[in-house]
Amino acid sequence: MKRFWMTLLMAAFMAVLAPVVMAQSKEDDRMVDEVRLKLAGDVAVNGGAIGVDVKSGVVTLTGKVKNDKARAKAERLAKKVKGVKSVDNQLKVDPNAH
């Protein structure tokens, strides 16, 4: 009988949690798209080669940029996207970056 109740409890938990997780995933995907568009559309950042990942509203930027100014601008642009809670800027400065 205990096993039945545990199974029922787990099923109820999953039924409640699944829509929340799916909604967060859709929201994260939307933010990835918006951040990429902002980065790609900025001449100073030239963000086509910048990696963007979002988990629960936290944006992670990876890759290389030409200078510190572009690195800082990429972070500012990402922070402007609706829903972004914070930005983990892992961009490396490389004067030879394209």
Foldseek 3Di string as FASTA:
>chain_A
DVVVVVVVVVVVVCVVVVVVVVVQVVVQVVLQVQLQVQQCPDPQQVRPQWDWGDDQQEIEIEEEGADPVNLVVSLVSSVPDPSRPHYHRHYDHDNPDD
